Structure formats: structure tokens, C-alpha cells
Amino acid sequence: MASFFSSVRQGFGGRSNKGNQPGKGNGGTPSPTTPGYSHSPTSSQPPAVPPMPHSPALSSAMSFESQGPPPDAMPSGNRRPPFFFREEYAGLIVKGNFMTLAAKPKLVEEGEWMAHQVVEQYRLLEQMIEVIKVIDERTGRPICNPDVCPTMSASGHTYTWLDNNKKPIKIPAIQYINLVQKWIVGKINDPSIFPTGPIQVESAMYASGSLTPSSTPQPLGPTSLNAPLSQLSGREWFGKSSGFPESFESDIKSIYRQMMRCYAHIYHGHWLDPFWNVNSYKELNTCFIHFINVGKLFGLLGDKEIEPMQPLVDVWIGNGMLQAHSQRQSPQNAQAQSSQPAAPPS
């Protein structure tokens, strides 16, 4: 994948034109053609850039708005689903069992393992985001820009941001993604949420209460050493033994939800251009199936979050590449067991 990203960053002046060659593709895969593919459900709308909140207290405030499905989102009559929902385009760049990548080693504490997974999943997503930020030499603009993607949309869903008055506003997809990236990095680099220092008894104890999705992370710090131990020892939460705060589980679920939205937009808005055009849709699939597997196994994603990409998830479940996970497990008790080797997605 390293060579792929280095070549993509050089621009698209000499990129593959196989998307315009019907019948030709990677390994015999039929080539998508533009007339049968909806590049972006909102590409015909004029750009709209509402004023963004200036207060950092709203930097993590997100809301969700659902719309009716666009005409090309799902099959109707003779209309076929988008290419990325079809089995012939659901291939990966690796073979193996992704359950192995998600399985928690026996000697690793659950909170530490989930922290590792979230950071790793963001690292992979970040590489996919970099692809849609590459400057297209034909236009001199990033592939994802306010004209092409005036809203953060995926299929029949539009994701909105909250302004200073906590009012949902629609902003261009690239602006939304940039803000989400800044928010996630802030979470990961906050030692009160992802502690990196030596674990001590007092630093593992935090005041009760968790952060809401619309609040700014406020370091709660260690509790007072004067507090009676009896008031602290009775509370348990996910990651406590490794020094993670009580809000940790809700924080990682919020992070995962926002990463899911980014993947959904990348597929619905940019699968054909650039991922198909530079022959990298399998890299995108590989990162996404790993992301979904961890999210479903550890209960980090619900059906509503996955909905825009459910047909692709169903394809992978149908061909045995993903487990159905009919009983969602919380991070506290999720255990993935597999003896089959797997290659990492990068």
C-alpha cells in the first residue's frame, strides 16, 4: 500500500483510464461506466458553506439527519445497485481471517486492546482520506471539494454539524471530514482519555459521569487522595484497570461512529473517482472490512451507523469473509477466537 499512496500523491495527470474502457478491469473484473453510476448523490447541488462554530466547546458536536434514498442508491426495477455493493467489486488485497486481526491477545487488558484498535483503524482511514484530498491535475482542486460534495452525504443520509447555537447545519464533506480528523486526533492525544504514562491506582480513578457527544473533553484528572477508598473501589468501568476514564467506552464509540461516516462518504462519493480509476478499490475494501469487523465484534457500531454500507457488509457476510455477529458484544466481554493466519491490511 505504501507504493500506491506515493504514486497517488503525484497527481492524476497520468492516471489509469480503465474506468472508460468497458469490459476491462483488474483480473477480469468488469469495468464500471459512468452512465450507470451515481458519482455523488449531491453533486448537482450548489455549494453551501454555512458559518462554522468558533467555540472549541462544540468541536465534537455532531448530529444525524436522514433523507429519502436517492434514485441510484438501491436497485429499482432494472436499475442495479452501485458498483461497490456488487460482489464482483468486493475483493480485497489480502487473504485470511480478519477475526485474527481483531482477536484480543490473552495477556492484553481489554481497554488497551480497544485503544490500540481505535488508533490503528484511524491510521488506516487517514490514508484513505488522503486519497480524496489529492489534487486533481485536470481541475487543480482536491478530488473532494465543496463543488463536488457540498454536503457530507452517503446514500440517503446527510450528516450535519452543530453550530454555536447547537443548530444542525450542512457543510461541505471535506470540511466535515477535516473537522472530524481534528476532533479524533484531539481525543487520541488527550492523556486524560488515552493515557500513556505509568498506571497508578490514583490515576486510574476518575470522577463519575461521561462526556456527551456535544461536549468538549475536559480532563477530569485523578481523584483527590483524601477521598475515601470505599467511595472509589466499588465502581467499575471498561478500561479502568489500565487507567482509562469512565468516559472511555463512550468516547471510542463516538470516534468509531464518525469514522464510519467518513467511510460511507468515501464509498458513495468517491469510489469511482479516484479509487476505481487508480485501481485501488480493493485497498479501500480491505481497510473497511477490517474496520467493520472490529466495530461489529466489539459493539462499537449499531445498525443505523452501518446502514449506508449494509449491502456491502451483507456481501461479505454472505461469502464468509465477515461473521454476522448476531449477538453484539460489548468491549468488556468480546472475545474473537480464530486459529487461521491473516495478513494485515497494510
Protein backbone atom coordinates (compact mmCIF):
# COMPACT_ATOMS: atom_id res chain seq x y z
CA MET A 1 0.00 0.00 0.00
CA ALA A 2 2.92 2.34 0.57
CA SER A 3 3.81 2.41 -3.13
CA PHE A 4 0.17 3.02 -4.02
CA PHE A 5 -0.10 6.09 -1.82
CA SER A 6 3.19 7.53 -3.03
CA SER A 7 2.03 7.23 -6.63
CA VAL A 8 -1.37 8.74 -5.90
CA ARG A 9 0.17 11.80 -4.26
CA GLN A 10 1.95 12.62 -7.52
CA GLY A 11 -1.38 13.63 -9.02
CA PHE A 12 -3.80 12.24 -11.54
CA GLY A 13 -2.41 13.66 -14.77
CA GLY A 14 -1.35 10.23 -15.98
CA ARG A 15 -3.81 8.07 -14.09
CA SER A 16 -5.43 4.96 -15.48
CA ASN A 17 -8.40 5.49 -17.76
CA LYS A 18 -9.67 1.96 -17.37
CA GLY A 19 -12.93 3.32 -15.99
CA ASN A 20 -13.67 4.41 -19.57
CA GLN A 21 -12.80 1.03 -21.06
CA PRO A 22 -15.85 -1.21 -20.80
CA GLY A 23 -15.08 -4.83 -20.18
CA LYS A 24 -11.56 -4.24 -18.90
CA GLY A 25 -10.59 -4.38 -15.27
CA ASN A 26 -8.36 -5.95 -12.69
CA GLY A 27 -8.33 -9.71 -13.04
CA GLY A 28 -11.26 -9.77 -15.43
CA THR A 29 -13.50 -7.60 -13.27
CA PRO A 30 -15.97 -5.76 -15.50
CA SER A 31 -15.32 -2.06 -15.78
CA PRO A 32 -17.82 0.42 -14.30
CA THR A 33 -19.14 3.00 -16.71
CA THR A 34 -20.12 6.49 -15.71
CA PRO A 35 -23.71 6.50 -17.09
CA GLY A 36 -24.68 3.65 -14.75
CA TYR A 37 -23.04 5.06 -11.69
CA SER A 38 -24.12 7.93 -9.47
CA HIS A 39 -20.86 9.68 -8.59
CA SER A 40 -22.34 11.69 -5.76
CA PRO A 41 -25.95 11.96 -4.56
CA THR A 42 -25.49 15.68 -4.08
CA SER A 43 -23.09 16.56 -6.89
CA SER A 44 -25.71 18.64 -8.70
CA GLN A 45 -26.37 20.89 -5.73
CA PRO A 46 -24.68 24.27 -5.45
CA PRO A 47 -22.02 24.55 -2.76
CA ALA A 48 -23.19 25.85 0.59
CA VAL A 49 -20.77 26.78 3.31
CA PRO A 50 -22.56 27.83 6.50
CA PRO A 51 -20.55 29.66 9.14
CA MET A 52 -18.66 27.23 11.34
CA PRO A 53 -18.69 27.34 15.12
CA HIS A 54 -15.80 29.26 16.64
CA SER A 55 -16.11 27.80 20.10
CA PRO A 56 -13.97 24.73 20.76
CA ALA A 57 -16.74 23.57 23.09
CA LEU A 58 -18.66 22.47 20.01
CA SER A 59 -15.78 20.89 18.13
CA SER A 60 -17.14 17.40 18.77
CA ALA A 61 -20.82 18.22 18.26
CA MET A 62 -22.34 16.15 15.51
CA SER A 63 -25.89 15.20 14.65
CA PHE A 64 -27.53 12.94 12.10
CA GLU A 65 -30.17 13.71 9.52
CA SER A 66 -31.87 11.10 7.38
CA GLN A 67 -33.30 11.78 3.95
CA GLY A 68 -35.13 9.66 1.45
CA PRO A 69 -32.88 7.39 -0.62
CA PRO A 70 -31.58 8.92 -3.86
CA PRO A 71 -32.74 7.33 -7.12
CA ASP A 72 -29.50 5.42 -7.72
CA ALA A 73 -28.90 4.32 -4.13
CA MET A 74 -30.69 0.99 -4.31
CA PRO A 75 -31.99 -1.24 -7.11
CA SER A 76 -35.37 -0.31 -8.56
CA GLY A 77 -36.78 -2.26 -11.44
CA ASN A 78 -33.89 -2.86 -13.84
CA ARG A 79 -31.56 -0.45 -12.05
CA ARG A 80 -28.60 -2.19 -10.45
CA PRO A 81 -27.04 -1.15 -7.15
CA PRO A 82 -23.85 0.93 -7.05
CA PHE A 83 -20.77 -0.98 -8.15
CA PHE A 84 -19.27 -1.12 -4.67
CA PHE A 85 -22.32 -3.08 -3.47
CA ARG A 86 -21.76 -5.84 -6.04
CA GLU A 87 -19.85 -9.00 -5.23
CA GLU A 88 -17.54 -8.69 -8.24
CA TYR A 89 -16.14 -5.46 -6.78
CA ALA A 90 -15.96 -6.64 -3.15
CA GLY A 91 -12.48 -8.17 -3.39
CA LEU A 92 -9.57 -7.49 -1.04
CA ILE A 93 -5.81 -7.19 -1.37
CA VAL A 94 -5.15 -9.84 1.29
CA LYS A 95 -6.40 -13.29 2.15
CA GLY A 96 -7.01 -14.64 5.61
CA ASN A 97 -9.31 -14.37 8.57
CA PHE A 98 -9.94 -10.84 9.79
CA MET A 99 -11.12 -12.24 13.09
CA THR A 100 -7.47 -12.93 13.83
CA LEU A 101 -6.65 -9.25 13.49
CA ALA A 102 -9.45 -8.37 15.89
CA ALA A 103 -8.78 -11.08 18.48
CA LYS A 104 -7.55 -9.74 21.81
CA PRO A 105 -4.34 -11.41 22.99
CA LYS A 106 -4.91 -13.18 26.28
CA LEU A 107 -2.36 -11.13 28.22
CA VAL A 108 -3.53 -7.73 26.94
CA GLU A 109 -6.03 -5.75 29.01
CA GLU A 110 -9.29 -5.06 27.16
CA GLY A 111 -9.05 -1.29 27.40
CA GLU A 112 -5.52 -1.32 26.00
CA TRP A 113 -6.61 -3.54 23.13
CA MET A 114 -9.52 -1.31 22.20
CA ALA A 115 -7.33 1.77 22.37
CA HIS A 116 -4.88 0.06 20.02
CA GLN A 117 -7.68 -0.92 17.63
CA VAL A 118 -9.18 2.56 17.51
CA VAL A 119 -5.80 4.20 16.84
CA GLU A 120 -4.97 1.63 14.16
CA GLN A 121 -8.36 1.99 12.48
CA TYR A 122 -7.92 5.75 12.36
CA ARG A 123 -4.44 5.34 10.84
CA LEU A 124 -5.91 3.26 8.01
CA LEU A 125 -8.85 5.61 7.46
CA GLU A 126 -6.50 8.58 7.36
CA GLN A 127 -4.70 7.03 4.40
CA MET A 128 -8.00 6.62 2.55
CA ILE A 129 -8.90 10.24 3.30
CA GLU A 130 -5.56 11.40 1.91
CA VAL A 131 -6.53 9.86 -1.44
CA ILE A 132 -9.64 12.05 -1.82
CA LYS A 133 -7.60 15.11 -0.85
CA VAL A 134 -5.12 14.65 -3.69
CA ILE A 135 -5.10 17.49 -6.20
CA ASP A 136 -6.68 16.50 -9.48
CA GLU A 137 -4.44 17.90 -12.22
CA ARG A 138 -7.44 18.33 -14.51
CA THR A 139 -9.12 20.81 -12.19
CA GLY A 140 -6.32 21.96 -9.90
CA ARG A 141 -8.55 21.19 -6.91
CA PRO A 142 -8.76 18.32 -4.41
CA ILE A 143 -10.91 15.45 -5.61
CA CYS A 144 -13.32 16.02 -2.72
CA ASN A 145 -14.18 19.71 -2.75
CA PRO A 146 -17.25 21.84 -1.93
CA ASP A 147 -18.43 21.91 -5.55
CA VAL A 148 -18.39 18.14 -5.95
CA CYS A 149 -19.53 17.32 -2.41
CA PRO A 150 -21.45 20.30 -0.98
CA THR A 151 -22.73 18.18 1.92
CA MET A 152 -21.40 15.29 3.97
CA SER A 153 -23.64 12.71 2.37
CA ALA A 154 -23.80 8.97 1.84
CA SER A 155 -26.70 7.36 0.02
CA GLY A 156 -29.88 8.65 1.68
CA HIS A 157 -28.08 10.16 4.66
CA THR A 158 -26.72 13.63 5.28
CA TYR A 159 -24.50 14.18 8.30
CA THR A 160 -24.72 17.60 9.91
CA TRP A 161 -22.59 19.62 12.30
CA LEU A 162 -23.82 21.69 15.22
CA ASP A 163 -23.11 25.41 15.18
CA ASN A 164 -22.64 27.68 18.20
CA ASN A 165 -26.38 27.63 18.81
CA LYS A 166 -26.43 23.82 18.68
CA LYS A 167 -28.35 24.00 15.44
CA PRO A 168 -27.59 21.28 12.84
CA ILE A 169 -26.02 22.76 9.73
CA LYS A 170 -24.95 21.21 6.45
CA ILE A 171 -21.34 21.80 5.49
CA PRO A 172 -19.20 20.50 2.59
CA ALA A 173 -17.97 16.96 3.03
CA ILE A 174 -14.28 17.88 3.03
CA GLN A 175 -14.87 20.49 5.73
CA TYR A 176 -16.77 17.95 7.83
CA ILE A 177 -14.03 15.35 7.36
CA ASN A 178 -11.30 17.84 8.31
CA LEU A 179 -13.15 18.74 11.49
CA VAL A 180 -13.70 15.08 12.34
CA GLN A 181 -9.99 14.37 11.84
CA LYS A 182 -9.04 17.24 14.12
CA TRP A 183 -11.55 16.03 16.71
CA ILE A 184 -10.31 12.42 16.63
CA VAL A 185 -6.66 13.41 16.85
CA GLY A 186 -7.53 15.63 19.81
CA LYS A 187 -9.18 12.68 21.53
CA ILE A 188 -6.32 10.28 20.86
CA ASN A 189 -3.70 12.78 22.01
CA ASP A 190 -5.58 13.68 25.18
CA PRO A 191 -3.83 11.81 28.02
CA SER A 192 -6.96 12.00 30.14
CA ILE A 193 -8.74 9.83 27.54
CA PHE A 194 -5.86 7.77 26.12
CA PRO A 195 -3.34 7.68 28.99
CA THR A 196 0.22 6.80 28.06
CA GLY A 197 2.09 7.14 31.36
CA PRO A 198 2.66 4.56 34.09
CA ILE A 199 -0.55 3.28 35.64
CA GLN A 200 -1.07 4.20 39.25
CA VAL A 201 -4.02 3.47 41.47
CA GLU A 202 -4.90 7.11 41.96
CA SER A 203 -4.55 8.00 38.28
CA ALA A 204 -6.95 5.22 37.32
CA MET A 205 -9.74 6.73 39.39
CA TYR A 206 -11.91 9.41 37.80
CA ALA A 207 -14.98 11.27 38.88
CA SER A 208 -18.22 9.68 37.78
CA GLY A 209 -20.02 10.85 34.68
CA SER A 210 -19.26 10.56 31.00
CA LEU A 211 -18.90 13.04 28.18
CA THR A 212 -21.80 13.71 25.87
CA PRO A 213 -21.23 13.80 22.11
CA SER A 214 -21.62 17.57 22.09
CA SER A 215 -19.22 18.40 24.88
CA THR A 216 -15.53 19.17 24.79
CA PRO A 217 -13.30 16.65 26.55
CA GLN A 218 -12.41 18.17 29.89
CA PRO A 219 -9.57 16.46 31.75
CA LEU A 220 -11.11 15.29 34.99
CA GLY A 221 -7.75 14.32 36.45
CA PRO A 222 -7.03 11.96 39.28
CA THR A 223 -9.38 12.00 42.22
CA SER A 224 -8.31 13.50 45.47
CA LEU A 225 -6.18 11.21 47.59
CA ASN A 226 -8.30 12.38 50.50
CA ALA A 227 -11.38 10.68 49.06
CA PRO A 228 -12.35 7.55 51.00
CA LEU A 229 -11.22 4.46 49.12
CA SER A 230 -14.60 2.89 49.83
CA GLN A 231 -16.20 5.51 47.58
CA LEU A 232 -13.94 4.57 44.68
CA SER A 233 -13.34 0.85 44.83
CA GLY A 234 -16.98 -0.11 44.20
CA ARG A 235 -17.18 1.46 40.72
CA GLU A 236 -16.06 -0.48 37.71
CA TRP A 237 -15.88 0.55 34.08
CA PHE A 238 -14.33 -0.58 30.86
CA GLY A 239 -10.58 0.11 30.81
CA LYS A 240 -10.38 1.09 34.49
CA SER A 241 -7.52 -1.29 35.26
CA SER A 242 -5.38 0.37 32.55
CA GLY A 243 -6.11 3.92 33.68
CA PHE A 244 -8.81 4.81 31.16
CA PRO A 245 -11.58 7.15 32.37
CA GLU A 246 -15.21 6.20 32.78
CA SER A 247 -15.98 8.02 29.54
CA PHE A 248 -13.60 5.81 27.55
CA GLU A 249 -16.16 3.42 26.12
CA SER A 250 -18.50 6.21 25.02
CA ASP A 251 -15.52 8.11 23.58
CA ILE A 252 -14.33 5.23 21.41
CA LYS A 253 -17.88 4.59 20.20
CA SER A 254 -18.19 8.26 19.21
CA ILE A 255 -14.86 8.06 17.37
CA TYR A 256 -15.92 4.90 15.59
CA ARG A 257 -19.26 6.42 14.58
CA GLN A 258 -17.53 9.38 12.94
CA MET A 259 -15.03 7.13 11.14
CA MET A 260 -17.97 5.13 9.80
CA ARG A 261 -19.46 8.31 8.34
CA CYS A 262 -16.18 9.09 6.60
CA TYR A 263 -16.03 5.63 5.04
CA ALA A 264 -19.65 5.90 3.91
CA HIS A 265 -18.97 9.19 2.15
CA ILE A 266 -15.77 7.89 0.56
CA TYR A 267 -17.65 4.96 -0.96
CA HIS A 268 -20.76 6.82 -2.08
CA GLY A 269 -18.96 9.93 -3.27
CA HIS A 270 -15.57 8.73 -4.47
CA TRP A 271 -15.49 5.01 -5.18
CA LEU A 272 -15.34 5.55 -8.94
CA ASP A 273 -13.15 8.64 -8.80
CA PRO A 274 -10.50 8.15 -7.64
CA PHE A 275 -10.45 4.64 -6.15
CA TRP A 276 -11.56 2.70 -9.22
CA ASN A 277 -9.66 4.96 -11.60
CA VAL A 278 -6.34 4.36 -9.81
CA ASN A 279 -7.10 0.66 -9.29
CA SER A 280 -7.22 0.94 -5.50
CA TYR A 281 -10.77 -0.03 -4.62
CA LYS A 282 -9.51 -3.32 -3.16
CA GLU A 283 -7.28 -1.38 -0.73
CA LEU A 284 -10.35 0.59 0.33
CA ASN A 285 -12.33 -2.63 0.75
CA THR A 286 -9.57 -4.17 2.85
CA CYS A 287 -9.39 -1.27 5.26
CA PHE A 288 -13.17 -1.09 5.51
CA ILE A 289 -13.79 -4.79 6.16
CA HIS A 290 -11.22 -4.70 8.96
CA PHE A 291 -12.93 -1.61 10.37
CA ILE A 292 -16.39 -3.20 10.19
CA ASN A 293 -15.21 -6.48 11.69
CA VAL A 294 -13.80 -4.75 14.77
CA GLY A 295 -16.81 -2.47 15.06
CA LYS A 296 -19.34 -5.28 14.90
CA LEU A 297 -17.38 -7.67 17.11
CA PHE A 298 -16.89 -5.20 19.94
CA GLY A 299 -20.25 -3.48 19.66
CA LEU A 300 -18.82 -0.14 18.53
CA LEU A 301 -21.31 0.27 15.67
CA GLY A 302 -25.07 -0.12 15.51
CA ASP A 303 -27.28 -0.97 12.56
CA LYS A 304 -28.12 2.70 11.96
CA GLU A 305 -24.46 3.65 11.60
CA ILE A 306 -23.77 0.78 9.19
CA GLU A 307 -26.96 1.29 7.16
CA PRO A 308 -25.43 3.31 4.26
CA MET A 309 -22.96 0.45 3.63
CA GLN A 310 -25.10 -2.51 4.73
CA PRO A 311 -25.37 -4.09 1.25
CA LEU A 312 -21.58 -4.42 1.04
CA VAL A 313 -21.40 -5.79 4.59
CA ASP A 314 -24.09 -8.32 3.60
CA VAL A 315 -21.99 -9.42 0.61
CA TRP A 316 -19.01 -10.10 2.87
CA ILE A 317 -21.20 -11.93 5.38
CA GLY A 318 -22.71 -13.99 2.57
CA ASN A 319 -19.36 -15.13 1.21
CA GLY A 320 -17.97 -15.89 4.66
CA MET A 321 -15.49 -13.00 4.85
CA LEU A 322 -17.35 -11.49 7.82
CA GLN A 323 -19.26 -13.08 10.64
CA ALA A 324 -22.82 -11.99 11.20
CA HIS A 325 -22.25 -11.25 14.91
CA SER A 326 -25.94 -11.77 15.58
CA GLN A 327 -25.34 -11.11 19.27
CA ARG A 328 -23.41 -7.90 19.61
CA GLN A 329 -20.86 -7.97 22.36
CA SER A 330 -19.70 -5.03 24.41
CA PRO A 331 -15.96 -4.30 24.53
CA GLN A 332 -15.88 -5.73 28.05
CA ASN A 333 -16.64 -9.28 27.01
CA ALA A 334 -15.99 -9.50 23.27
CA GLN A 335 -13.62 -12.35 22.52
CA ALA A 336 -12.60 -13.23 18.98
CA GLN A 337 -11.19 -16.71 18.57
CA SER A 338 -9.53 -17.93 15.43
CA SER A 339 -6.59 -20.15 14.53
CA GLN A 340 -6.31 -19.10 10.90
CA PRO A 341 -3.48 -16.76 9.95
CA ALA A 342 -4.29 -13.38 8.49
CA ALA A 343 -2.25 -10.76 6.71
CA PRO A 344 -2.54 -7.16 7.90
CA PRO A 345 -4.38 -4.77 5.58
CA SER A 346 -1.35 -2.56 5.01
